Amino acid sequence: MIKRTLYFGNPAYLNVRLAQLEIRLPEVEKNDSLPEPFKASAVKRIPIEDIGVVVLDNKQITITQGTLGALLDNNVAVVTCDEHRMPSGLMLPLEGNTTQSERFRDQIEASLPLKKQLWQQTIQAKILNQSSVLYRQRNLDCGNMEAWAKQVKSGDADNLEGRAAAFYWQNLFGEIKGFRRDREGVPPNNLLNYGYAILRAVVARSLVGSGLLPTLGIHHHNRYNAYCLADDIMEPYRPYVDKLVAEIVDSGADISLLTTELKGKLLAIPVLDVVINGRRSPLMVGVGITTASLYKCYSGEIRKIAYPMME
């Protein structure tokens, strides 16, 4: 089942009732001149079991503790935004799988050679997907990137990820003056930042659902990063965000500001089509397949992560 992504950019009262998220508007609730039947009809209700991600993007949103608890009990990723209306926080459940302690142990005890092999697979998939984006969006034949993907060694000791990234960004948005991939850089970095934040929430949610620790990465090891594993596993999925952003840029849309309309397009990331294990699936479902396969790698059942490959 495809889970819904809910975005709240205006003041709202969020409550839970009978396993449903109730959404009430303050301007309706506080208006004594409105008849009660009208107020009742203005209340929106969504089954919590249908929700995958909630984005809270307004300082005047009121959400009850019971609602947060119900969302987390259903493995919903709750994203909060800062004063610049950019994602700044992520809330996930502490327990997401019935055999979690066993899965934690397998993850923690994973050998260094295994983690290096998994990182090799991750970078190979990322570079190949980047190559597909350049071909589809810029009609660029990237035999060099395909060659680099084949040359990635265990642990990517030669940093072919970095070499590929330099070529990739130069050709994907090279026509934009002053562009380089940087969080604080010129647009469309603002769109990329937002899109990656949504993707990160989706990946972290799936990792928890697969009984894994998002903090314990296979490559990233920043002591201040609570989602190192999410940052690892999302790498081959980043090109899907890049492709969507490139399509927005190519459409001629004004990207100087991250408007509600642009956010709406980026919030479609969880339902983008991906092909994984030879089957087409929404990205959120594909991520679940990836994280489930990652656990099987940790447990010794298989040796290869299931990653999507762009057509």
C-alpha atoms as a PDB file:
ATOM      1  CA  MET A   1       0.000   0.000   0.000  1.00  0.00           C
ATOM      2  CA  ILE A   2       1.304   3.455  -0.935  1.00  0.00           C
ATOM      3  CA  LYS A   3       1.479   5.688   2.129  1.00  0.00           C
ATOM      4  CA  ARG A   4       0.417   9.330   1.855  1.00  0.00           C
ATOM      5  CA  THR A   5       2.682  12.340   2.379  1.00  0.00           C
ATOM      6  CA  LEU A   6       0.854  15.159   4.165  1.00  0.00           C
ATOM      7  CA  TYR A   7       2.104  18.765   4.052  1.00  0.00           C
ATOM      8  CA  PHE A   8       0.801  21.427   6.456  1.00  0.00           C
ATOM      9  CA  GLY A   9       1.875  24.929   5.462  1.00  0.00           C
ATOM     10  CA  ASN A  10      -0.899  26.896   7.206  1.00  0.00           C
ATOM     11  CA  PRO A  11      -2.100  27.100  10.825  1.00  0.00           C
ATOM     12  CA  ALA A  12      -3.922  23.933  11.840  1.00  0.00           C
ATOM     13  CA  TYR A  13      -5.092  21.936  14.834  1.00  0.00           C
ATOM     14  CA  LEU A  14      -4.041  18.281  14.515  1.00  0.00           C
ATOM     15  CA  ASN A  15      -5.683  15.695  16.723  1.00  0.00           C
ATOM     16  CA  VAL A  16      -6.296  11.948  16.646  1.00  0.00           C
ATOM     17  CA  ARG A  17      -9.709  10.386  17.029  1.00  0.00           C
ATOM     18  CA  LEU A  18     -10.751   6.794  16.350  1.00  0.00           C
ATOM     19  CA  ALA A  19      -7.411   6.034  14.643  1.00  0.00           C
ATOM     20  CA  GLN A  20      -7.848   8.978  12.276  1.00  0.00           C
ATOM     21  CA  LEU A  21      -5.933  12.223  11.996  1.00  0.00           C
ATOM     22  CA  GLU A  22      -8.356  15.105  12.466  1.00  0.00           C
ATOM     23  CA  ILE A  23      -7.453  18.388  10.803  1.00  0.00           C
ATOM     24  CA  ARG A  24      -9.197  21.531  12.004  1.00  0.00           C
ATOM     25  CA  LEU A  25      -8.641  25.093  10.806  1.00  0.00           C
ATOM     26  CA  PRO A  26      -8.227  27.768  13.531  1.00  0.00           C
ATOM     27  CA  GLU A  27     -10.044  30.414  11.484  1.00  0.00           C
ATOM     28  CA  VAL A  28     -13.085  28.141  11.381  1.00  0.00           C
ATOM     29  CA  GLU A  29     -12.905  26.887  14.967  1.00  0.00           C
ATOM     30  CA  LYS A  30     -12.551  30.377  16.456  1.00  0.00           C
ATOM     31  CA  ASN A  31     -15.296  31.992  14.369  1.00  0.00           C
ATOM     32  CA  ASP A  32     -18.377  32.046  16.617  1.00  0.00           C
ATOM     33  CA  SER A  33     -20.529  33.376  13.791  1.00  0.00           C
ATOM     34  CA  LEU A  34     -20.263  30.132  11.852  1.00  0.00           C
ATOM     35  CA  PRO A  35     -22.930  27.477  12.457  1.00  0.00           C
ATOM     36  CA  GLU A  36     -21.810  24.249  14.133  1.00  0.00           C
ATOM     37  CA  PRO A  37     -22.837  22.033  11.185  1.00  0.00           C
ATOM     38  CA  PHE A  38     -20.523  24.071   8.939  1.00  0.00           C
ATOM     39  CA  LYS A  39     -17.658  23.742  11.430  1.00  0.00           C
ATOM     40  CA  ALA A  40     -18.207  19.998  11.608  1.00  0.00           C
ATOM     41  CA  SER A  41     -18.176  19.682   7.813  1.00  0.00           C
ATOM     42  CA  ALA A  42     -14.874  21.598   7.635  1.00  0.00           C
ATOM     43  CA  VAL A  43     -13.043  18.950   9.693  1.00  0.00           C
ATOM     44  CA  LYS A  44     -10.877  16.667   7.546  1.00  0.00           C
ATOM     45  CA  ARG A  45     -10.121  13.093   8.631  1.00  0.00           C
ATOM     46  CA  ILE A  46      -7.441  10.751   7.293  1.00  0.00           C
ATOM     47  CA  PRO A  47      -6.793   7.197   8.579  1.00  0.00           C
ATOM     48  CA  ILE A  48      -3.404   7.197  10.278  1.00  0.00           C
ATOM     49  CA  GLU A  49      -2.581   3.801   8.762  1.00  0.00           C
ATOM     50  CA  ASP A  50      -2.632   5.500   5.329  1.00  0.00           C
ATOM     51  CA  ILE A  51       0.057   8.066   6.252  1.00  0.00           C
ATOM     52  CA  GLY A  52       3.796   7.668   5.668  1.00  0.00           C
ATOM     53  CA  VAL A  53       5.252  11.174   6.067  1.00  0.00           C
ATOM     54  CA  VAL A  54       3.921  14.342   7.731  1.00  0.00           C
ATOM     55  CA  VAL A  55       5.600  17.707   7.068  1.00  0.00           C
ATOM     56  CA  LEU A  56       4.856  20.469   9.602  1.00  0.00           C
ATOM     57  CA  ASP A  57       5.743  23.781   7.970  1.00  0.00           C
ATOM     58  CA  ASN A  58       4.069  26.495  10.039  1.00  0.00           C
ATOM     59  CA  LYS A  59       4.779  27.939  13.493  1.00  0.00           C
ATOM     60  CA  GLN A  60       1.060  28.005  14.289  1.00  0.00           C
ATOM     61  CA  ILE A  61       0.392  24.295  13.955  1.00  0.00           C
ATOM     62  CA  THR A  62      -0.881  22.717  17.160  1.00  0.00           C
ATOM     63  CA  ILE A  63      -0.448  18.953  17.455  1.00  0.00           C
ATOM     64  CA  THR A  64      -1.338  16.872  20.506  1.00  0.00           C
ATOM     65  CA  GLN A  65       0.966  14.410  22.243  1.00  0.00           C
ATOM     66  CA  GLY A  66      -1.579  11.692  21.528  1.00  0.00           C
ATOM     67  CA  THR A  67      -1.402  12.472  17.823  1.00  0.00           C
ATOM     68  CA  LEU A  68       2.384  12.268  17.781  1.00  0.00           C
ATOM     69  CA  GLY A  69       2.204   8.971  19.620  1.00  0.00           C
ATOM     70  CA  ALA A  70      -0.335   7.536  17.174  1.00  0.00           C
ATOM     71  CA  LEU A  71       1.751   8.653  14.188  1.00  0.00           C
ATOM     72  CA  LEU A  72       4.929   7.110  15.583  1.00  0.00           C
ATOM     73  CA  ASP A  73       3.102   3.898  16.516  1.00  0.00           C
ATOM     74  CA  ASN A  74       2.282   3.593  12.817  1.00  0.00           C
ATOM     75  CA  ASN A  75       5.873   4.313  11.720  1.00  0.00           C
ATOM     76  CA  VAL A  76       5.053   7.743  10.299  1.00  0.00           C
ATOM     77  CA  ALA A  77       8.034  10.050   9.749  1.00  0.00           C
ATOM     78  CA  VAL A  78       7.224  13.486  11.203  1.00  0.00           C
ATOM     79  CA  VAL A  79       9.270  16.310   9.636  1.00  0.00           C
ATOM     80  CA  THR A  80       9.429  19.763  11.232  1.00  0.00           C
ATOM     81  CA  CYS A  81      10.583  22.925   9.460  1.00  0.00           C
ATOM     82  CA  ASP A  82      12.558  25.953  10.660  1.00  0.00           C
ATOM     83  CA  GLU A  83      11.878  29.671  10.340  1.00  0.00           C
ATOM     84  CA  HIS A  84      13.075  29.526   6.727  1.00  0.00           C
ATOM     85  CA  ARG A  85      10.465  26.818   6.071  1.00  0.00           C
ATOM     86  CA  MET A  86      13.128  24.225   5.361  1.00  0.00           C
ATOM     87  CA  PRO A  87      13.069  20.740   6.972  1.00  0.00           C
ATOM     88  CA  SER A  88      15.081  20.870  10.186  1.00  0.00           C
ATOM     89  CA  GLY A  89      13.920  17.940  12.330  1.00  0.00           C
ATOM     90  CA  LEU A  90      12.793  14.343  11.935  1.00  0.00           C
ATOM     91  CA  MET A  91      10.871  12.234  14.446  1.00  0.00           C
ATOM     92  CA  LEU A  92      10.782   8.434  14.143  1.00  0.00           C
ATOM     93  CA  PRO A  93       9.614   5.586  16.414  1.00  0.00           C
ATOM     94  CA  LEU A  94      12.135   3.917  18.721  1.00  0.00           C
ATOM     95  CA  GLU A  95      10.788   0.487  17.800  1.00  0.00           C
ATOM     96  CA  GLY A  96       9.728  -0.487  14.307  1.00  0.00           C
ATOM     97  CA  ASN A  97      10.163  -4.250  14.083  1.00  0.00           C
ATOM     98  CA  THR A  98       9.204  -7.256  16.233  1.00  0.00           C
ATOM     99  CA  THR A  99      12.729  -8.743  16.114  1.00  0.00           C
ATOM    100  CA  GLN A 100      14.493  -5.435  16.547  1.00  0.00           C
ATOM    101  CA  SER A 101      17.143  -6.410  19.135  1.00  0.00           C
ATOM    102  CA  GLU A 102      18.253  -9.330  16.962  1.00  0.00           C
ATOM    103  CA  ARG A 103      18.455  -7.070  13.929  1.00  0.00           C
ATOM    104  CA  PHE A 104      20.401  -4.452  15.875  1.00  0.00           C
ATOM    105  CA  ARG A 105      22.913  -7.130  16.838  1.00  0.00           C
ATOM    106  CA  ASP A 106      23.376  -8.291  13.242  1.00  0.00           C
ATOM    107  CA  GLN A 107      23.829  -4.680  12.120  1.00  0.00           C
ATOM    108  CA  ILE A 108      26.302  -3.809  14.873  1.00  0.00           C
ATOM    109  CA  GLU A 109      28.342  -6.966  14.308  1.00  0.00           C
ATOM    110  CA  ALA A 110      28.585  -6.523  10.530  1.00  0.00           C
ATOM    111  CA  SER A 111      32.212  -6.908   9.455  1.00  0.00           C
ATOM    112  CA  LEU A 112      34.225  -4.089   7.922  1.00  0.00           C
ATOM    113  CA  PRO A 113      34.753  -6.025   4.639  1.00  0.00           C
ATOM    114  CA  LEU A 114      30.975  -6.489   4.337  1.00  0.00           C
ATOM    115  CA  LYS A 115      30.322  -2.782   4.905  1.00  0.00           C
ATOM    116  CA  LYS A 116      32.959  -1.858   2.312  1.00  0.00           C
ATOM    117  CA  GLN A 117      31.334  -4.194  -0.208  1.00  0.00           C
ATOM    118  CA  LEU A 118      27.925  -2.682   0.516  1.00  0.00           C
ATOM    119  CA  TRP A 119      29.332   0.803   0.005  1.00  0.00           C
ATOM    120  CA  GLN A 120      30.880  -0.325  -3.280  1.00  0.00           C
ATOM    121  CA  GLN A 121      27.448  -1.518  -4.464  1.00  0.00           C
ATOM    122  CA  THR A 122      25.865   1.727  -3.271  1.00  0.00           C
ATOM    123  CA  ILE A 123      28.272   3.954  -5.197  1.00  0.00           C
ATOM    124  CA  GLN A 124      28.061   1.822  -8.326  1.00  0.00           C
ATOM    125  CA  ALA A 125      24.262   2.149  -8.316  1.00  0.00           C
ATOM    126  CA  LYS A 126      24.469   5.894  -7.647  1.00  0.00           C
ATOM    127  CA  ILE A 127      26.888   6.582 -10.505  1.00  0.00           C
ATOM    128  CA  LEU A 128      24.857   4.499 -12.964  1.00  0.00           C
ATOM    129  CA  ASN A 129      21.675   6.357 -12.001  1.00  0.00           C
ATOM    130  CA  GLN A 130      23.455   9.699 -12.349  1.00  0.00           C
ATOM    131  CA  SER A 131      24.564   8.607 -15.804  1.00  0.00           C
ATOM    132  CA  SER A 132      20.945   7.845 -16.708  1.00  0.00           C
ATOM    133  CA  VAL A 133      19.835  11.298 -15.537  1.00  0.00           C
ATOM    134  CA  LEU A 134      22.418  13.001 -17.759  1.00  0.00           C
ATOM    135  CA  TYR A 135      21.372  10.891 -20.726  1.00  0.00           C
ATOM    136  CA  ARG A 136      17.654  11.480 -20.237  1.00  0.00           C
ATOM    137  CA  GLN A 137      17.790  15.166 -19.278  1.00  0.00           C
ATOM    138  CA  ARG A 138      20.832  16.396 -21.227  1.00  0.00           C
ATOM    139  CA  ASN A 139      21.070  13.795 -24.006  1.00  0.00           C
ATOM    140  CA  LEU A 140      24.642  13.157 -22.887  1.00  0.00           C
ATOM    141  CA  ASP A 141      26.229   9.774 -23.558  1.00  0.00           C
ATOM    142  CA  CYS A 142      28.165   9.052 -20.368  1.00  0.00           C
ATOM    143  CA  GLY A 143      30.405   6.134 -21.211  1.00  0.00           C
ATOM    144  CA  ASN A 144      32.955   7.572 -18.804  1.00  0.00           C
ATOM    145  CA  MET A 145      30.550   7.354 -15.869  1.00  0.00           C
ATOM    146  CA  GLU A 146      29.585   3.801 -16.766  1.00  0.00           C
ATOM    147  CA  ALA A 147      33.285   2.943 -16.851  1.00  0.00           C
ATOM    148  CA  TRP A 148      33.831   4.612 -13.466  1.00  0.00           C
ATOM    149  CA  ALA A 149      30.955   2.594 -11.998  1.00  0.00           C
ATOM    150  CA  LYS A 150      32.654  -0.628 -13.060  1.00  0.00           C
ATOM    151  CA  GLN A 151      35.949   0.545 -11.559  1.00  0.00           C
ATOM    152  CA  VAL A 152      34.566   1.251  -8.070  1.00  0.00           C
ATOM    153  CA  LYS A 153      36.501  -0.879  -5.597  1.00  0.00           C
ATOM    154  CA  SER A 154      35.508  -2.127  -2.187  1.00  0.00           C
ATOM    155  CA  GLY A 155      34.871   0.911   0.011  1.00  0.00           C
ATOM    156  CA  ASP A 156      35.339   3.190  -3.048  1.00  0.00           C
ATOM    157  CA  ALA A 157      38.990   3.596  -2.105  1.00  0.00           C
ATOM    158  CA  ASP A 158      39.683   5.705  -5.218  1.00  0.00           C
ATOM    159  CA  ASN A 159      36.757   8.087  -4.504  1.00  0.00           C
ATOM    160  CA  LEU A 160      35.145   7.573  -7.874  1.00  0.00           C
ATOM    161  CA  GLU A 161      31.979   8.921  -6.279  1.00  0.00           C
ATOM    162  CA  GLY A 162      33.662  12.334  -6.082  1.00  0.00           C
ATOM    163  CA  ARG A 163      34.997  12.181  -9.641  1.00  0.00           C
ATOM    164  CA  ALA A 164      31.570  11.244 -10.970  1.00  0.00           C
ATOM    165  CA  ALA A 165      29.876  13.968  -8.910  1.00  0.00           C
ATOM    166  CA  ALA A 166      32.113  16.697 -10.348  1.00  0.00           C
ATOM    167  CA  PHE A 167      31.295  15.632 -13.912  1.00  0.00           C
ATOM    168  CA  TYR A 168      27.619  15.115 -13.101  1.00  0.00           C
ATOM    169  CA  TRP A 169      26.865  18.504 -11.563  1.00  0.00           C
ATOM    170  CA  GLN A 170      28.903  20.372 -14.173  1.00  0.00           C
ATOM    171  CA  ASN A 171      26.746  18.877 -16.927  1.00  0.00           C
ATOM    172  CA  LEU A 172      23.347  18.721 -15.216  1.00  0.00           C
ATOM    173  CA  PHE A 173      23.142  22.402 -14.246  1.00  0.00           C
ATOM    174  CA  GLY A 174      26.227  23.783 -15.955  1.00  0.00           C
ATOM    175  CA  GLU A 175      24.202  26.417 -17.818  1.00  0.00           C
ATOM    176  CA  ILE A 176      23.225  28.075 -14.526  1.00  0.00           C
ATOM    177  CA  LYS A 177      25.734  30.797 -13.706  1.00  0.00           C
ATOM    178  CA  GLY A 178      27.611  30.197 -10.483  1.00  0.00           C
ATOM    179  CA  PHE A 179      26.050  26.801  -9.820  1.00  0.00           C
ATOM    180  CA  ARG A 180      27.831  24.167  -7.846  1.00  0.00           C
ATOM    181  CA  ARG A 181      26.296  21.632  -5.530  1.00  0.00           C
ATOM    182  CA  ASP A 182      26.314  23.310  -2.121  1.00  0.00           C
ATOM    183  CA  ARG A 183      23.628  23.585   0.546  1.00  0.00           C
ATOM    184  CA  GLU A 184      24.065  27.349   0.638  1.00  0.00           C
ATOM    185  CA  GLY A 185      24.615  27.731  -3.094  1.00  0.00           C
ATOM    186  CA  VAL A 186      22.489  29.379  -5.760  1.00  0.00           C
ATOM    187  CA  PRO A 187      19.204  27.810  -6.944  1.00  0.00           C
ATOM    188  CA  PRO A 188      18.322  25.069  -7.677  1.00  0.00           C
ATOM    189  CA  ASN A 189      20.278  24.076  -4.553  1.00  0.00           C
ATOM    190  CA  ASN A 190      17.214  25.162  -2.569  1.00  0.00           C
ATOM    191  CA  LEU A 191      15.061  22.626  -4.418  1.00  0.00           C
ATOM    192  CA  LEU A 192      17.676  19.903  -4.068  1.00  0.00           C
ATOM    193  CA  ASN A 193      17.983  20.535  -0.317  1.00  0.00           C
ATOM    194  CA  TYR A 194      14.239  20.241   0.166  1.00  0.00           C
ATOM    195  CA  GLY A 195      13.931  17.181  -2.026  1.00  0.00           C
ATOM    196  CA  TYR A 196      16.775  15.382  -0.288  1.00  0.00           C
ATOM    197  CA  ALA A 197      15.215  16.143   3.110  1.00  0.00           C
ATOM    198  CA  ILE A 198      11.973  14.453   2.024  1.00  0.00           C
ATOM    199  CA  LEU A 199      13.921  11.511   0.599  1.00  0.00           C
ATOM    200  CA  ARG A 200      15.947  11.203   3.811  1.00  0.00           C
ATOM    201  CA  ALA A 201      12.764  11.005   5.876  1.00  0.00           C
ATOM    202  CA  VAL A 202      11.395   8.260   3.619  1.00  0.00           C
ATOM    203  CA  VAL A 203      14.626   6.253   3.869  1.00  0.00           C
ATOM    204  CA  ALA A 204      14.953   6.693   7.651  1.00  0.00           C
ATOM    205  CA  ARG A 205      11.343   5.590   8.095  1.00  0.00           C
ATOM    206  CA  SER A 206      11.962   2.422   6.069  1.00  0.00           C
ATOM    207  CA  LEU A 207      15.157   1.631   7.978  1.00  0.00           C
ATOM    208  CA  VAL A 208      13.255   1.776  11.264  1.00  0.00           C
ATOM    209  CA  GLY A 209      10.517  -0.376   9.751  1.00  0.00           C
ATOM    210  CA  SER A 210      13.174  -2.939   8.787  1.00  0.00           C
ATOM    211  CA  GLY A 211      14.429  -2.986  12.378  1.00  0.00           C
ATOM    212  CA  LEU A 212      17.703  -1.164  11.704  1.00  0.00           C
ATOM    213  CA  LEU A 213      19.486   1.689  13.454  1.00  0.00           C
ATOM    214  CA  PRO A 214      19.484   4.761  11.161  1.00  0.00           C
ATOM    215  CA  THR A 215      22.433   6.142  13.154  1.00  0.00           C
ATOM    216  CA  LEU A 216      24.892   3.329  12.407  1.00  0.00           C
ATOM    217  CA  GLY A 217      26.085   3.831   8.828  1.00  0.00           C
ATOM    218  CA  ILE A 218      28.027   1.628   6.449  1.00  0.00           C
ATOM    219  CA  HIS A 219      30.151   4.590   5.331  1.00  0.00           C
ATOM    220  CA  HIS A 220      29.048   7.892   6.909  1.00  0.00           C
ATOM    221  CA  HIS A 221      30.312   8.207  10.485  1.00  0.00           C
ATOM    222  CA  ASN A 222      29.704  11.834  11.510  1.00  0.00           C
ATOM    223  CA  ARG A 223      29.403  11.869  15.298  1.00  0.00           C
ATOM    224  CA  TYR A 224      26.796  14.641  15.077  1.00  0.00           C
ATOM    225  CA  ASN A 225      24.628  12.875  12.471  1.00  0.00           C
ATOM    226  CA  ALA A 226      21.769  10.767  13.825  1.00  0.00           C
ATOM    227  CA  TYR A 227      20.928   9.384  10.366  1.00  0.00           C
ATOM    228  CA  CYS A 228      24.228   8.150   8.919  1.00  0.00           C
ATOM    229  CA  LEU A 229      22.711   4.945   7.538  1.00  0.00           C
ATOM    230  CA  ALA A 230      19.854   6.876   5.923  1.00  0.00           C
ATOM    231  CA  ASP A 231      22.420   9.122   4.243  1.00  0.00           C
ATOM    232  CA  ASP A 232      24.228   6.015   2.964  1.00  0.00           C
ATOM    233  CA  ILE A 233      21.210   4.179   1.605  1.00  0.00           C
ATOM    234  CA  MET A 234      19.611   7.218  -0.030  1.00  0.00           C
ATOM    235  CA  GLU A 235      22.614   7.794  -2.323  1.00  0.00           C
ATOM    236  CA  PRO A 236      21.331   5.759  -5.331  1.00  0.00           C
ATOM    237  CA  TYR A 237      17.920   7.412  -4.874  1.00  0.00           C
ATOM    238  CA  ARG A 238      19.265  10.969  -5.027  1.00  0.00           C
ATOM    239  CA  PRO A 239      19.304  10.979  -8.850  1.00  0.00           C
ATOM    240  CA  TYR A 240      15.510  10.597  -8.814  1.00  0.00           C
ATOM    241  CA  VAL A 241      15.324  13.883  -6.912  1.00  0.00           C
ATOM    242  CA  ASP A 242      17.882  15.428  -9.277  1.00  0.00           C
ATOM    243  CA  LYS A 243      15.840  14.397 -12.305  1.00  0.00           C
ATOM    244  CA  LEU A 244      12.669  15.918 -10.859  1.00  0.00           C
ATOM    245  CA  VAL A 245      14.495  19.169 -10.071  1.00  0.00           C
ATOM    246  CA  ALA A 246      16.015  19.247 -13.576  1.00  0.00           C
ATOM    247  CA  GLU A 247      12.529  18.876 -15.049  1.00  0.00           C
ATOM    248  CA  ILE A 248      11.322  21.810 -12.949  1.00  0.00           C
ATOM    249  CA  VAL A 249      14.286  23.934 -14.038  1.00  0.00           C
ATOM    250  CA  ASP A 250      13.830  22.992 -17.703  1.00  0.00           C
ATOM    251  CA  SER A 251      10.145  23.938 -17.526  1.00  0.00           C
ATOM    252  CA  GLY A 252      11.186  27.570 -17.038  1.00  0.00           C
ATOM    253  CA  ALA A 253       9.665  27.852 -13.570  1.00  0.00           C
ATOM    254  CA  ASP A 254      10.935  30.567 -11.243  1.00  0.00           C
ATOM    255  CA  ILE A 255      13.222  28.713  -8.808  1.00  0.00           C
ATOM    256  CA  SER A 256      14.598  31.730  -6.987  1.00  0.00           C
ATOM    257  CA  LEU A 257      12.205  31.051  -4.108  1.00  0.00           C
ATOM    258  CA  LEU A 258      10.952  27.723  -2.812  1.00  0.00           C
ATOM    259  CA  THR A 259       7.257  28.424  -3.193  1.00  0.00           C
ATOM    260  CA  THR A 260       4.367  26.276  -2.005  1.00  0.00           C
ATOM    261  CA  GLU A 261       3.807  25.214  -5.603  1.00  0.00           C
ATOM    262  CA  LEU A 262       7.399  24.009  -5.942  1.00  0.00           C
ATOM    263  CA  LYS A 263       7.194  22.219  -2.603  1.00  0.00           C
ATOM    264  CA  GLY A 264       4.073  20.492  -3.844  1.00  0.00           C
ATOM    265  CA  LYS A 265       6.000  19.078  -6.788  1.00  0.00           C
ATOM    266  CA  LEU A 266       8.852  17.940  -4.535  1.00  0.00           C
ATOM    267  CA  LEU A 267       6.455  16.299  -2.096  1.00  0.00           C
ATOM    268  CA  ALA A 268       5.633  13.864  -4.902  1.00  0.00           C
ATOM    269  CA  ILE A 269       9.054  12.248  -4.418  1.00  0.00           C
ATOM    270  CA  PRO A 270       7.698   9.292  -2.363  1.00  0.00           C
ATOM    271  CA  VAL A 271       5.451   8.257  -5.263  1.00  0.00           C
ATOM    272  CA  LEU A 272       7.942   8.655  -8.115  1.00  0.00           C
ATOM    273  CA  ASP A 273       8.277   5.552 -10.264  1.00  0.00           C
ATOM    274  CA  VAL A 274      11.376   3.412  -9.714  1.00  0.00           C
ATOM    275  CA  VAL A 275      12.345   0.041 -11.183  1.00  0.00           C
ATOM    276  CA  ILE A 276      13.740  -2.376  -8.616  1.00  0.00           C
ATOM    277  CA  ASN A 277      14.253  -6.120  -9.001  1.00  0.00           C
ATOM    278  CA  GLY A 278      12.811  -5.758 -12.488  1.00  0.00           C
ATOM    279  CA  ARG A 279       9.502  -4.354 -11.257  1.00  0.00           C
ATOM    280  CA  ARG A 280       8.085  -0.843 -11.305  1.00  0.00           C
ATOM    281  CA  SER A 281       7.149   0.522  -7.865  1.00  0.00           C
ATOM    282  CA  PRO A 282       6.564   3.860  -6.127  1.00  0.00           C
ATOM    283  CA  LEU A 283       9.800   5.143  -4.611  1.00  0.00           C
ATOM    284  CA  MET A 284       8.559   4.659  -1.043  1.00  0.00           C
ATOM    285  CA  VAL A 285       7.854   0.982  -1.758  1.00  0.00           C
ATOM    286  CA  GLY A 286      11.215   0.624  -3.499  1.00  0.00           C
ATOM    287  CA  VAL A 287      13.010   2.054  -0.466  1.00  0.00           C
ATOM    288  CA  GLY A 288      11.293  -0.566   1.696  1.00  0.00           C
ATOM    289  CA  ILE A 289      12.617  -3.293  -0.605  1.00  0.00           C
ATOM    290  CA  THR A 290      16.100  -1.788  -0.344  1.00  0.00           C
ATOM    291  CA  THR A 291      16.135  -1.604   3.463  1.00  0.00           C
ATOM    292  CA  ALA A 292      14.728  -5.127   3.777  1.00  0.00           C
ATOM    293  CA  SER A 293      17.515  -6.410   1.531  1.00  0.00           C
ATOM    294  CA  LEU A 294      20.084  -4.500   3.588  1.00  0.00           C
ATOM    295  CA  TYR A 295      19.049  -6.398   6.707  1.00  0.00           C
ATOM    296  CA  LYS A 296      19.383  -9.681   4.815  1.00  0.00           C
ATOM    297  CA  CYS A 297      22.935  -8.631   3.941  1.00  0.00           C
ATOM    298  CA  TYR A 298      23.655  -8.015   7.621  1.00  0.00           C
ATOM    299  CA  SER A 299      22.147 -11.382   8.594  1.00  0.00           C
ATOM    300  CA  GLY A 300      24.146 -13.254   5.933  1.00  0.00           C
ATOM    301  CA  GLU A 301      21.144 -14.316   3.834  1.00  0.00           C
ATOM    302  CA  ILE A 302      22.257 -12.412   0.735  1.00  0.00           C
ATOM    303  CA  ARG A 303      25.298 -10.397  -0.370  1.00  0.00           C
ATOM    304  CA  LYS A 304      23.772  -7.698  -2.556  1.00  0.00           C
ATOM    305  CA  ILE A 305      21.503  -4.749  -1.718  1.00  0.00           C
ATOM    306  CA  ALA A 306      18.467  -4.289  -3.953  1.00  0.00           C
ATOM    307  CA  TYR A 307      18.802  -0.797  -5.433  1.00  0.00           C
ATOM    308  CA  PRO A 308      16.683   0.828  -8.168  1.00  0.00           C
ATOM    309  CA  MET A 309      18.163   1.261 -11.608  1.00  0.00           C
ATOM    310  CA  MET A 310      16.965   4.089 -13.817  1.00  0.00           C
ATOM    311  CA  GLU A 311      15.740   3.113 -17.244  1.00  0.00           C
END
